[in-house]
Amino acid sequence: MKIITALGVIAVAVLFFFGIIFALASVYAPTRLIVSGLLFVVGFGIVYYIAKQPKTTVQRLEFSGEMKAVALKCPNCSASVDASKIKIMSGVPYATCTYCGHTFEVTEEPKW
């Protein structure tokens, strides 16, 4: 966990705690309800900022034997497809042909 996330969680907990305290104390002074609302708004703002940060996932591949690179061809038009055009969506590799625009799943051919 990053230090910014940890500090954000602590700040949100403190803001929400004091927000509840000020909301309960608004019985004695109605202006405390405004302070309570501001504390909750700031707390939710910090939660939104923390949740909005992009998450990075690193995937490593381990191969059991020798690997040989083969040319990647579009099944629609048989044009060569650049390997840098491969995108991983939901754990499945997809490639887009630059010639015809066809998007297809990249699959490994059986070795037999």
PDB file of N, CA and C in Angstrom:
ATOM      1  N   MET A   1       0.858  -1.176   0.000  1.00  0.00           N
ATOM      2  CA  MET A   1       0.000   0.000   0.000  1.00  0.00           C
ATOM      3  C   MET A   1       0.897   1.230   0.000  1.00  0.00           C
ATOM      4  N   LYS A   2       0.547   2.198  -0.819  1.00  0.00           N
ATOM      5  CA  LYS A   2       1.345   3.408  -0.894  1.00  0.00           C
ATOM      6  C   LYS A   2       1.114   4.281   0.330  1.00  0.00           C
ATOM      7  N   ILE A   3       2.086   5.126   0.610  1.00  0.00           N
ATOM      8  CA  ILE A   3       2.008   6.000   1.785  1.00  0.00           C
ATOM      9  C   ILE A   3       0.884   7.018   1.613  1.00  0.00           C
ATOM     10  N   ILE A   4       0.654   7.484   0.389  1.00  0.00           N
ATOM     11  CA  ILE A   4      -0.420   8.456   0.138  1.00  0.00           C
ATOM     12  C   ILE A   4      -1.774   7.825   0.457  1.00  0.00           C
ATOM     13  N   THR A   5      -1.964   6.575   0.053  1.00  0.00           N
ATOM     14  CA  THR A   5      -3.224   5.880   0.330  1.00  0.00           C
ATOM     15  C   THR A   5      -3.416   5.682   1.823  1.00  0.00           C
ATOM     16  N   ALA A   6      -2.345   5.283   2.521  1.00  0.00           N
ATOM     17  CA  ALA A   6      -2.442   5.071   3.971  1.00  0.00           C
ATOM     18  C   ALA A   6      -2.774   6.378   4.693  1.00  0.00           C
ATOM     19  N   LEU A   7      -2.095   7.459   4.317  1.00  0.00           N
ATOM     20  CA  LEU A   7      -2.395   8.754   4.942  1.00  0.00           C
ATOM     21  C   LEU A   7      -3.805   9.221   4.601  1.00  0.00           C
ATOM     22  N   GLY A   8      -4.256   8.941   3.383  1.00  0.00           N
ATOM     23  CA  GLY A   8      -5.614   9.306   2.989  1.00  0.00           C
ATOM     24  C   GLY A   8      -6.660   8.572   3.803  1.00  0.00           C
ATOM     25  N   VAL A   9      -6.446   7.283   4.035  1.00  0.00           N
ATOM     26  CA  VAL A   9      -7.392   6.488   4.830  1.00  0.00           C
ATOM     27  C   VAL A   9      -7.441   7.004   6.264  1.00  0.00           C
ATOM     28  N   ILE A  10      -6.286   7.339   6.819  1.00  0.00           N
ATOM     29  CA  ILE A  10      -6.252   7.874   8.185  1.00  0.00           C
ATOM     30  C   ILE A  10      -6.966   9.221   8.241  1.00  0.00           C
ATOM     31  N   ALA A  11      -6.720  10.090   7.251  1.00  0.00           N
ATOM     32  CA  ALA A  11      -7.374  11.400   7.212  1.00  0.00           C
ATOM     33  C   ALA A  11      -8.886  11.259   7.089  1.00  0.00           C
ATOM     34  N   VAL A  12      -9.346  10.335   6.267  1.00  0.00           N
ATOM     35  CA  VAL A  12     -10.794  10.120   6.103  1.00  0.00           C
ATOM     36  C   VAL A  12     -11.403   9.630   7.410  1.00  0.00           C
ATOM     37  N   ALA A  13     -10.733   8.719   8.091  1.00  0.00           N
ATOM     38  CA  ALA A  13     -11.257   8.213   9.360  1.00  0.00           C
ATOM     39  C   ALA A  13     -11.375   9.341  10.382  1.00  0.00           C
ATOM     40  N   VAL A  14     -10.367  10.200  10.462  1.00  0.00           N
ATOM     41  CA  VAL A  14     -10.403  11.320  11.407  1.00  0.00           C
ATOM     42  C   VAL A  14     -11.502  12.312  11.019  1.00  0.00           C
ATOM     43  N   LEU A  15     -11.610  12.634   9.737  1.00  0.00           N
ATOM     44  CA  LEU A  15     -12.640  13.579   9.288  1.00  0.00           C
ATOM     45  C   LEU A  15     -14.042  13.051   9.554  1.00  0.00           C
ATOM     46  N   PHE A  16     -14.264  11.769   9.260  1.00  0.00           N
ATOM     47  CA  PHE A  16     -15.591  11.189   9.516  1.00  0.00           C
ATOM     48  C   PHE A  16     -15.894  11.132  11.017  1.00  0.00           C
ATOM     49  N   PHE A  17     -14.887  10.821  11.823  1.00  0.00           N
ATOM     50  CA  PHE A  17     -15.091  10.783  13.269  1.00  0.00           C
ATOM     51  C   PHE A  17     -15.529  12.157  13.775  1.00  0.00           C
ATOM     52  N   PHE A  18     -14.779  13.198  13.406  1.00  0.00           N
ATOM     53  CA  PHE A  18     -15.151  14.537  13.850  1.00  0.00           C
ATOM     54  C   PHE A  18     -16.455  15.012  13.206  1.00  0.00           C
ATOM     55  N   GLY A  19     -16.741  14.537  12.012  1.00  0.00           N
ATOM     56  CA  GLY A  19     -18.018  14.866  11.376  1.00  0.00           C
ATOM     57  C   GLY A  19     -19.189  14.327  12.185  1.00  0.00           C
ATOM     58  N   ILE A  20     -19.046  13.104  12.669  1.00  0.00           N
ATOM     59  CA  ILE A  20     -20.104  12.513  13.505  1.00  0.00           C
ATOM     60  C   ILE A  20     -20.213  13.262  14.831  1.00  0.00           C
ATOM     61  N   ILE A  21     -19.078  13.587  15.435  1.00  0.00           N
ATOM     62  CA  ILE A  21     -19.082  14.324  16.701  1.00  0.00           C
ATOM     63  C   ILE A  21     -19.784  15.673  16.530  1.00  0.00           C
ATOM     64  N   PHE A  22     -19.437  16.408  15.466  1.00  0.00           N
ATOM     65  CA  PHE A  22     -20.059  17.708  15.235  1.00  0.00           C
ATOM     66  C   PHE A  22     -21.545  17.559  14.899  1.00  0.00           C
ATOM     67  N   ALA A  23     -21.924  16.487  14.206  1.00  0.00           N
ATOM     68  CA  ALA A  23     -23.346  16.272  13.899  1.00  0.00           C
ATOM     69  C   ALA A  23     -24.134  16.016  15.178  1.00  0.00           C
ATOM     70  N   LEU A  24     -23.556  15.232  16.090  1.00  0.00           N
ATOM     71  CA  LEU A  24     -24.232  14.972  17.358  1.00  0.00           C
ATOM     72  C   LEU A  24     -24.286  16.233  18.220  1.00  0.00           C
ATOM     73  N   ALA A  25     -23.267  17.071  18.144  1.00  0.00           N
ATOM     74  CA  ALA A  25     -23.207  18.291  18.956  1.00  0.00           C
ATOM     75  C   ALA A  25     -24.041  19.423  18.358  1.00  0.00           C
ATOM     76  N   SER A  26     -24.626  19.208  17.187  1.00  0.00           N
ATOM     77  CA  SER A  26     -25.428  20.265  16.560  1.00  0.00           C
ATOM     78  C   SER A  26     -26.731  20.522  17.320  1.00  0.00           C
ATOM     79  N   VAL A  27     -27.032  19.674  18.293  1.00  0.00           N
ATOM     80  CA  VAL A  27     -28.201  19.900  19.141  1.00  0.00           C
ATOM     81  C   VAL A  27     -28.010  21.185  19.943  1.00  0.00           C
ATOM     82  N   TYR A  28     -26.765  21.461  20.333  1.00  0.00           N
ATOM     83  CA  TYR A  28     -26.473  22.628  21.162  1.00  0.00           C
ATOM     84  C   TYR A  28     -26.224  23.892  20.336  1.00  0.00           C
ATOM     85  N   ALA A  29     -25.681  23.758  19.139  1.00  0.00           N
ATOM     86  CA  ALA A  29     -25.426  24.913  18.274  1.00  0.00           C
ATOM     87  C   ALA A  29     -25.628  24.466  16.822  1.00  0.00           C
ATOM     88  N   PRO A  30     -26.657  24.989  16.151  1.00  0.00           N
ATOM     89  CA  PRO A  30     -26.963  24.541  14.783  1.00  0.00           C
ATOM     90  C   PRO A  30     -25.833  24.785  13.774  1.00  0.00           C
ATOM     91  N   THR A  31     -24.936  25.709  14.056  1.00  0.00           N
ATOM     92  CA  THR A  31     -23.845  25.961  13.115  1.00  0.00           C
ATOM     93  C   THR A  31     -22.864  24.787  13.050  1.00  0.00           C
ATOM     94  N   ARG A  32     -22.870  23.952  14.071  1.00  0.00           N
ATOM     95  CA  ARG A  32     -21.990  22.786  14.062  1.00  0.00           C
ATOM     96  C   ARG A  32     -22.406  21.780  12.990  1.00  0.00           C
ATOM     97  N   LEU A  33     -23.670  21.826  12.590  1.00  0.00           N
ATOM     98  CA  LEU A  33     -24.135  20.940  11.522  1.00  0.00           C
ATOM     99  C   LEU A  33     -23.475  21.321  10.192  1.00  0.00           C
ATOM    100  N   ILE A  34     -23.217  22.606   9.976  1.00  0.00           N
ATOM    101  CA  ILE A  34     -22.525  23.060   8.768  1.00  0.00           C
ATOM    102  C   ILE A  34     -21.086  22.548   8.778  1.00  0.00           C
ATOM    103  N   VAL A  35     -20.429  22.653   9.930  1.00  0.00           N
ATOM    104  CA  VAL A  35     -19.057  22.154  10.058  1.00  0.00           C
ATOM    105  C   VAL A  35     -19.028  20.643   9.822  1.00  0.00           C
ATOM    106  N   SER A  36     -20.022  19.937  10.359  1.00  0.00           N
ATOM    107  CA  SER A  36     -20.108  18.497  10.158  1.00  0.00           C
ATOM    108  C   SER A  36     -20.246  18.175   8.671  1.00  0.00           C
ATOM    109  N   GLY A  37     -21.104  18.904   7.986  1.00  0.00           N
ATOM    110  CA  GLY A  37     -21.283  18.689   6.545  1.00  0.00           C
ATOM    111  C   GLY A  37     -20.001  18.934   5.770  1.00  0.00           C
ATOM    112  N   LEU A  38     -19.270  19.975   6.134  1.00  0.00           N
ATOM    113  CA  LEU A  38     -18.002  20.275   5.458  1.00  0.00           C
ATOM    114  C   LEU A  38     -16.974  19.159   5.699  1.00  0.00           C
ATOM    115  N   LEU A  39     -16.938  18.640   6.914  1.00  0.00           N
ATOM    116  CA  LEU A  39     -16.012  17.551   7.212  1.00  0.00           C
ATOM    117  C   LEU A  39     -16.333  16.310   6.373  1.00  0.00           C
ATOM    118  N   PHE A  40     -17.623  16.000   6.237  1.00  0.00           N
ATOM    119  CA  PHE A  40     -18.015  14.855   5.415  1.00  0.00           C
ATOM    120  C   PHE A  40     -17.699  15.085   3.944  1.00  0.00           C
ATOM    121  N   VAL A  41     -17.920  16.288   3.453  1.00  0.00           N
ATOM    122  CA  VAL A  41     -17.624  16.588   2.050  1.00  0.00           C
ATOM    123  C   VAL A  41     -16.127  16.440   1.767  1.00  0.00           C
ATOM    124  N   VAL A  42     -15.295  16.961   2.652  1.00  0.00           N
ATOM    125  CA  VAL A  42     -13.842  16.830   2.483  1.00  0.00           C
ATOM    126  C   VAL A  42     -13.430  15.358   2.567  1.00  0.00           C
ATOM    127  N   GLY A  43     -14.025  14.617   3.493  1.00  0.00           N
ATOM    128  CA  GLY A  43     -13.719  13.185   3.617  1.00  0.00           C
ATOM    129  C   GLY A  43     -14.084  12.415   2.364  1.00  0.00           C
ATOM    130  N   PHE A  44     -15.274  12.681   1.811  1.00  0.00           N
ATOM    131  CA  PHE A  44     -15.676  12.005   0.579  1.00  0.00           C
ATOM    132  C   PHE A  44     -14.813  12.443  -0.596  1.00  0.00           C
ATOM    133  N   GLY A  45     -14.346  13.682  -0.584  1.00  0.00           N
ATOM    134  CA  GLY A  45     -13.433  14.146  -1.633  1.00  0.00           C
ATOM    135  C   GLY A  45     -12.125  13.373  -1.613  1.00  0.00           C
ATOM    136  N   ILE A  46     -11.606  13.120  -0.418  1.00  0.00           N
ATOM    137  CA  ILE A  46     -10.370  12.345  -0.299  1.00  0.00           C
ATOM    138  C   ILE A  46     -10.596  10.899  -0.738  1.00  0.00           C
ATOM    139  N   VAL A  47     -11.748  10.322  -0.377  1.00  0.00           N
ATOM    140  CA  VAL A  47     -12.073   8.958  -0.811  1.00  0.00           C
ATOM    141  C   VAL A  47     -12.141   8.898  -2.330  1.00  0.00           C
ATOM    142  N   TYR A  48     -12.760   9.889  -2.964  1.00  0.00           N
ATOM    143  CA  TYR A  48     -12.858   9.928  -4.426  1.00  0.00           C
ATOM    144  C   TYR A  48     -11.471  10.025  -5.044  1.00  0.00           C
ATOM    145  N   TYR A  49     -10.596  10.856  -4.481  1.00  0.00           N
ATOM    146  CA  TYR A  49      -9.238  11.012  -5.007  1.00  0.00           C
ATOM    147  C   TYR A  49      -8.450   9.703  -4.900  1.00  0.00           C
ATOM    148  N   ILE A  50      -8.586   9.013  -3.783  1.00  0.00           N
ATOM    149  CA  ILE A  50      -7.865   7.754  -3.589  1.00  0.00           C
ATOM    150  C   ILE A  50      -8.388   6.688  -4.544  1.00  0.00           C
ATOM    151  N   ALA A  51      -9.703   6.605  -4.714  1.00  0.00           N
ATOM    152  CA  ALA A  51     -10.287   5.579  -5.576  1.00  0.00           C
ATOM    153  C   ALA A  51     -10.024   5.855  -7.048  1.00  0.00           C
ATOM    154  N   LYS A  52      -9.797   7.124  -7.398  1.00  0.00           N
ATOM    155  CA  LYS A  52      -9.600   7.507  -8.794  1.00  0.00           C
ATOM    156  C   LYS A  52      -8.206   7.182  -9.296  1.00  0.00           C
ATOM    157  N   GLN A  53      -7.249   6.995  -8.417  1.00  0.00           N
ATOM    158  CA  GLN A  53      -5.870   6.743  -8.828  1.00  0.00           C
ATOM    159  C   GLN A  53      -5.800   5.436  -9.621  1.00  0.00           C
ATOM    160  N   PRO A  54      -5.067   5.441 -10.736  1.00  0.00           N
ATOM    161  CA  PRO A  54      -4.991   4.221 -11.558  1.00  0.00           C
ATOM    162  C   PRO A  54      -4.238   3.112 -10.834  1.00  0.00           C
ATOM    163  N   LYS A  55      -4.701   1.921 -11.040  1.00  0.00           N
ATOM    164  CA  LYS A  55      -4.071   0.749 -10.449  1.00  0.00           C
ATOM    165  C   LYS A  55      -3.197   0.081 -11.514  1.00  0.00           C
ATOM    166  N   THR A  56      -1.996  -0.322 -11.139  1.00  0.00           N
ATOM    167  CA  THR A  56      -1.068  -0.971 -12.062  1.00  0.00           C
ATOM    168  C   THR A  56      -0.991  -2.445 -11.721  1.00  0.00           C
ATOM    169  N   THR A  57      -1.171  -3.280 -12.735  1.00  0.00           N
ATOM    170  CA  THR A  57      -1.075  -4.721 -12.562  1.00  0.00           C
ATOM    171  C   THR A  57       0.097  -5.228 -13.386  1.00  0.00           C
ATOM    172  N   VAL A  58       0.998  -5.955 -12.758  1.00  0.00           N
ATOM    173  CA  VAL A  58       2.145  -6.524 -13.449  1.00  0.00           C
ATOM    174  C   VAL A  58       1.914  -8.023 -13.586  1.00  0.00           C
ATOM    175  N   GLN A  59       1.976  -8.512 -14.831  1.00  0.00           N
ATOM    176  CA  GLN A  59       1.805  -9.938 -15.075  1.00  0.00           C
ATOM    177  C   GLN A  59       3.123 -10.493 -15.598  1.00  0.00           C
ATOM    178  N   ARG A  60       3.530 -11.631 -15.051  1.00  0.00           N
ATOM    179  CA  ARG A  60       4.766 -12.270 -15.487  1.00  0.00           C
ATOM    180  C   ARG A  60       4.407 -13.619 -16.115  1.00  0.00           C
ATOM    181  N   LEU A  61       5.115 -13.951 -17.166  1.00  0.00           N
ATOM    182  CA  LEU A  61       4.894 -15.221 -17.851  1.00  0.00           C
ATOM    183  C   LEU A  61       6.095 -16.126 -17.630  1.00  0.00           C
ATOM    184  N   GLU A  62       5.818 -17.378 -17.387  1.00  0.00           N
ATOM    185  CA  GLU A  62       6.876 -18.374 -17.274  1.00  0.00           C
ATOM    186  C   GLU A  62       6.622 -19.434 -18.332  1.00  0.00           C
ATOM    187  N   PHE A  63       7.645 -19.738 -19.107  1.00  0.00           N
ATOM    188  CA  PHE A  63       7.514 -20.710 -20.175  1.00  0.00           C
ATOM    189  C   PHE A  63       8.242 -21.987 -19.791  1.00  0.00           C
ATOM    190  N   SER A  64       7.656 -23.115 -20.147  1.00  0.00           N
ATOM    191  CA  SER A  64       8.247 -24.390 -19.759  1.00  0.00           C
ATOM    192  C   SER A  64       9.293 -24.865 -20.752  1.00  0.00           C
ATOM    193  N   GLY A  65       9.305 -24.331 -21.940  1.00  0.00           N
ATOM    194  CA  GLY A  65      10.270 -24.788 -22.940  1.00  0.00           C
ATOM    195  C   GLY A  65      10.716 -23.632 -23.813  1.00  0.00           C
ATOM    196  N   GLU A  66      11.253 -23.988 -24.978  1.00  0.00           N
ATOM    197  CA  GLU A  66      11.713 -22.977 -25.922  1.00  0.00           C
ATOM    198  C   GLU A  66      10.519 -22.270 -26.553  1.00  0.00           C
ATOM    199  N   MET A  67      10.710 -20.997 -26.785  1.00  0.00           N
ATOM    200  CA  MET A  67       9.650 -20.217 -27.429  1.00  0.00           C
ATOM    201  C   MET A  67      10.180 -19.717 -28.766  1.00  0.00           C
ATOM    202  N   LYS A  68       9.331 -19.785 -29.782  1.00  0.00           N
ATOM    203  CA  LYS A  68       9.684 -19.301 -31.095  1.00  0.00           C
ATOM    204  C   LYS A  68       8.637 -18.271 -31.513  1.00  0.00           C
ATOM    205  N   ALA A  69       9.081 -17.129 -31.987  1.00  0.00           N
ATOM    206  CA  ALA A  69       8.156 -16.096 -32.436  1.00  0.00           C
ATOM    207  C   ALA A  69       7.704 -16.402 -33.854  1.00  0.00           C
ATOM    208  N   VAL A  70       6.419 -16.302 -34.085  1.00  0.00           N
ATOM    209  CA  VAL A  70       5.868 -16.483 -35.431  1.00  0.00           C
ATOM    210  C   VAL A  70       5.168 -15.189 -35.837  1.00  0.00           C
ATOM    211  N   ALA A  71       5.028 -15.005 -37.131  1.00  0.00           N
ATOM    212  CA  ALA A  71       4.364 -13.802 -37.633  1.00  0.00           C
ATOM    213  C   ALA A  71       2.885 -13.856 -37.286  1.00  0.00           C
ATOM    214  N   LEU A  72       2.371 -12.736 -36.852  1.00  0.00           N
ATOM    215  CA  LEU A  72       0.967 -12.634 -36.486  1.00  0.00           C
ATOM    216  C   LEU A  72       0.207 -12.104 -37.694  1.00  0.00           C
ATOM    217  N   LYS A  73      -0.787 -12.868 -38.164  1.00  0.00           N
ATOM    218  CA  LYS A  73      -1.540 -12.482 -39.353  1.00  0.00           C
ATOM    219  C   LYS A  73      -3.010 -12.307 -39.006  1.00  0.00           C
ATOM    220  N   CYS A  74      -3.638 -11.363 -39.671  1.00  0.00           N
ATOM    221  CA  CYS A  74      -5.065 -11.091 -39.481  1.00  0.00           C
ATOM    222  C   CYS A  74      -5.869 -12.220 -40.119  1.00  0.00           C
ATOM    223  N   PRO A  75      -6.826 -12.811 -39.385  1.00  0.00           N
ATOM    224  CA  PRO A  75      -7.630 -13.882 -39.977  1.00  0.00           C
ATOM    225  C   PRO A  75      -8.627 -13.362 -41.018  1.00  0.00           C
ATOM    226  N   ASN A  76      -8.844 -12.062 -41.066  1.00  0.00           N
ATOM    227  CA  ASN A  76      -9.810 -11.475 -41.998  1.00  0.00           C
ATOM    228  C   ASN A  76      -9.179 -11.178 -43.355  1.00  0.00           C
ATOM    229  N   CYS A  77      -7.977 -10.551 -43.338  1.00  0.00           N
ATOM    230  CA  CYS A  77      -7.372 -10.131 -44.601  1.00  0.00           C
ATOM    231  C   CYS A  77      -5.959 -10.683 -44.802  1.00  0.00           C
ATOM    232  N   SER A  78      -5.429 -11.435 -43.868  1.00  0.00           N
ATOM    233  CA  SER A  78      -4.096 -12.044 -43.900  1.00  0.00           C
ATOM    234  C   SER A  78      -2.953 -11.042 -43.904  1.00  0.00           C
ATOM    235  N   ALA A  79      -3.200  -9.821 -43.495  1.00  0.00           N
ATOM    236  CA  ALA A  79      -2.133  -8.826 -43.395  1.00  0.00           C
ATOM    237  C   ALA A  79      -1.339  -9.066 -42.117  1.00  0.00           C
ATOM    238  N   SER A  80      -0.076  -8.656 -42.118  1.00  0.00           N
ATOM    239  CA  SER A  80       0.752  -8.778 -40.925  1.00  0.00           C
ATOM    240  C   SER A  80       0.280  -7.782 -39.872  1.00  0.00           C
ATOM    241  N   VAL A  81       0.223  -8.240 -38.631  1.00  0.00           N
ATOM    242  CA  VAL A  81      -0.238  -7.400 -37.527  1.00  0.00           C
ATOM    243  C   VAL A  81       0.953  -7.107 -36.623  1.00  0.00           C
ATOM    244  N   ASP A  82       1.097  -5.846 -36.261  1.00  0.00           N
ATOM    245  CA  ASP A  82       2.186  -5.422 -35.386  1.00  0.00           C
ATOM    246  C   ASP A  82       1.922  -5.934 -33.969  1.00  0.00           C
ATOM    247  N   ALA A  83       2.923  -6.529 -33.348  1.00  0.00           N
ATOM    248  CA  ALA A  83       2.761  -7.094 -32.002  1.00  0.00           C
ATOM    249  C   ALA A  83       2.490  -6.025 -30.961  1.00  0.00           C
ATOM    250  N   SER A  84       2.856  -4.775 -31.234  1.00  0.00           N
ATOM    251  CA  SER A  84       2.594  -3.706 -30.276  1.00  0.00           C
ATOM    252  C   SER A  84       1.115  -3.314 -30.248  1.00  0.00           C
ATOM    253  N   LYS A  85       0.330  -3.813 -31.192  1.00  0.00           N
ATOM    254  CA  LYS A  85      -1.112  -3.520 -31.237  1.00  0.00           C
ATOM    255  C   LYS A  85      -1.922  -4.503 -30.395  1.00  0.00           C
ATOM    256  N   ILE A  86      -1.266  -5.403 -29.693  1.00  0.00           N
ATOM    257  CA  ILE A  86      -1.965  -6.386 -28.857  1.00  0.00           C
ATOM    258  C   ILE A  86      -2.342  -5.727 -27.537  1.00  0.00           C
ATOM    259  N   LYS A  87      -3.604  -5.843 -27.154  1.00  0.00           N
ATOM    260  CA  LYS A  87      -4.122  -5.315 -25.894  1.00  0.00           C
ATOM    261  C   LYS A  87      -4.705  -6.477 -25.097  1.00  0.00           C
ATOM    262  N   ILE A  88      -4.513  -6.439 -23.782  1.00  0.00           N
ATOM    263  CA  ILE A  88      -5.077  -7.455 -22.886  1.00  0.00           C
ATOM    264  C   ILE A  88      -6.386  -6.893 -22.329  1.00  0.00           C
ATOM    265  N   MET A  89      -7.504  -7.570 -22.620  1.00  0.00           N
ATOM    266  CA  MET A  89      -8.805  -7.170 -22.084  1.00  0.00           C
ATOM    267  C   MET A  89      -9.409  -8.371 -21.364  1.00  0.00           C
ATOM    268  N   SER A  90      -9.657  -8.219 -20.081  1.00  0.00           N
ATOM    269  CA  SER A  90     -10.203  -9.282 -19.231  1.00  0.00           C
ATOM    270  C   SER A  90      -9.331 -10.533 -19.261  1.00  0.00           C
ATOM    271  N   GLY A  91      -8.020 -10.347 -19.351  1.00  0.00           N
ATOM    272  CA  GLY A  91      -7.097 -11.468 -19.333  1.00  0.00           C
ATOM    273  C   GLY A  91      -6.920 -12.169 -20.658  1.00  0.00           C
ATOM    274  N   VAL A  92      -7.539 -11.668 -21.726  1.00  0.00           N
ATOM    275  CA  VAL A  92      -7.457 -12.294 -23.044  1.00  0.00           C
ATOM    276  C   VAL A  92      -6.760 -11.324 -23.997  1.00  0.00           C
ATOM    277  N   PRO A  93      -5.735 -11.793 -24.737  1.00  0.00           N
ATOM    278  CA  PRO A  93      -5.059 -10.884 -25.667  1.00  0.00           C
ATOM    279  C   PRO A  93      -5.863 -10.688 -26.955  1.00  0.00           C
ATOM    280  N   TYR A  94      -6.043  -9.436 -27.344  1.00  0.00           N
ATOM    281  CA  TYR A  94      -6.724  -9.090 -28.578  1.00  0.00           C
ATOM    282  C   TYR A  94      -5.793  -8.222 -29.412  1.00  0.00           C
ATOM    283  N   ALA A  95      -5.837  -8.404 -30.734  1.00  0.00           N
ATOM    284  CA  ALA A  95      -5.041  -7.596 -31.654  1.00  0.00           C
ATOM    285  C   ALA A  95      -5.989  -6.931 -32.647  1.00  0.00           C
ATOM    286  N   THR A  96      -5.593  -5.752 -33.129  1.00  0.00           N
ATOM    287  CA  THR A  96      -6.369  -5.027 -34.122  1.00  0.00           C
ATOM    288  C   THR A  96      -5.517  -4.875 -35.374  1.00  0.00           C
ATOM    289  N   CYS A  97      -6.069  -5.268 -36.495  1.00  0.00           N
ATOM    290  CA  CYS A  97      -5.379  -5.173 -37.775  1.00  0.00           C
ATOM    291  C   CYS A  97      -5.346  -3.711 -38.206  1.00  0.00           C
ATOM    292  N   THR A  98      -4.167  -3.227 -38.572  1.00  0.00           N
ATOM    293  CA  THR A  98      -4.054  -1.827 -39.006  1.00  0.00           C
ATOM    294  C   THR A  98      -4.554  -1.643 -40.434  1.00  0.00           C
ATOM    295  N   TYR A  99      -4.652  -2.737 -41.172  1.00  0.00           N
ATOM    296  CA  TYR A  99      -5.087  -2.639 -42.568  1.00  0.00           C
ATOM    297  C   TYR A  99      -6.614  -2.607 -42.693  1.00  0.00           C
ATOM    298  N   CYS A 100      -7.297  -3.602 -42.100  1.00  0.00           N
ATOM    299  CA  CYS A 100      -8.759  -3.671 -42.251  1.00  0.00           C
ATOM    300  C   CYS A 100      -9.515  -3.263 -40.985  1.00  0.00           C
ATOM    301  N   GLY A 101      -8.819  -3.104 -39.847  1.00  0.00           N
ATOM    302  CA  GLY A 101      -9.464  -2.677 -38.608  1.00  0.00           C
ATOM    303  C   GLY A 101     -10.138  -3.802 -37.837  1.00  0.00           C
ATOM    304  N   HIS A 102      -9.977  -5.038 -38.279  1.00  0.00           N
ATOM    305  CA  HIS A 102     -10.597  -6.196 -37.627  1.00  0.00           C
ATOM    306  C   HIS A 102      -9.906  -6.471 -36.289  1.00  0.00           C
ATOM    307  N   THR A 103     -10.693  -6.675 -35.226  1.00  0.00           N
ATOM    308  CA  THR A 103     -10.156  -7.025 -33.910  1.00  0.00           C
ATOM    309  C   THR A 103     -10.396  -8.511 -33.683  1.00  0.00           C
ATOM    310  N   PHE A 104      -9.345  -9.225 -33.290  1.00  0.00           N
ATOM    311  CA  PHE A 104      -9.460 -10.672 -33.110  1.00  0.00           C
ATOM    312  C   PHE A 104      -8.662 -11.105 -31.895  1.00  0.00           C
ATOM    313  N   GLU A 105      -9.025 -12.273 -31.378  1.00  0.00           N
ATOM    314  CA  GLU A 105      -8.340 -12.839 -30.214  1.00  0.00           C
ATOM    315  C   GLU A 105      -7.073 -13.554 -30.678  1.00  0.00           C
ATOM    316  N   VAL A 106      -5.974 -13.291 -29.997  1.00  0.00           N
ATOM    317  CA  VAL A 106      -4.709 -13.949 -30.322  1.00  0.00           C
ATOM    318  C   VAL A 106      -4.676 -15.274 -29.574  1.00  0.00           C
ATOM    319  N   THR A 107      -4.593 -16.364 -30.329  1.00  0.00           N
ATOM    320  CA  THR A 107      -4.590 -17.693 -29.716  1.00  0.00           C
ATOM    321  C   THR A 107      -3.312 -18.432 -30.093  1.00  0.00           C
ATOM    322  N   GLU A 108      -2.920 -19.364 -29.254  1.00  0.00           N
ATOM    323  CA  GLU A 108      -1.755 -20.192 -29.527  1.00  0.00           C
ATOM    324  C   GLU A 108      -2.202 -21.414 -30.313  1.00  0.00           C
ATOM    325  N   GLU A 109      -1.526 -21.659 -31.405  1.00  0.00           N
ATOM    326  CA  GLU A 109      -1.861 -22.832 -32.220  1.00  0.00           C
ATOM    327  C   GLU A 109      -1.307 -24.079 -31.557  1.00  0.00           C
ATOM    328  N   PRO A 110      -2.019 -25.199 -31.652  1.00  0.00           N
ATOM    329  CA  PRO A 110      -1.499 -26.448 -31.072  1.00  0.00           C
ATOM    330  C   PRO A 110      -0.222 -26.887 -31.801  1.00  0.00           C
ATOM    331  N   LYS A 111       0.655 -27.574 -31.072  1.00  0.00           N
ATOM    332  CA  LYS A 111       1.939 -27.963 -31.628  1.00  0.00           C
ATOM    333  C   LYS A 111       1.900 -29.295 -32.368  1.00  0.00           C
ATOM    334  N   TRP A 112       0.818 -30.007 -32.358  1.00  0.00           N
ATOM    335  CA  TRP A 112       0.756 -31.321 -33.027  1.00  0.00           C
ATOM    336  C   TRP A 112       0.258 -31.221 -34.419  1.00  0.00           C
TER     337      TRP A 112
END
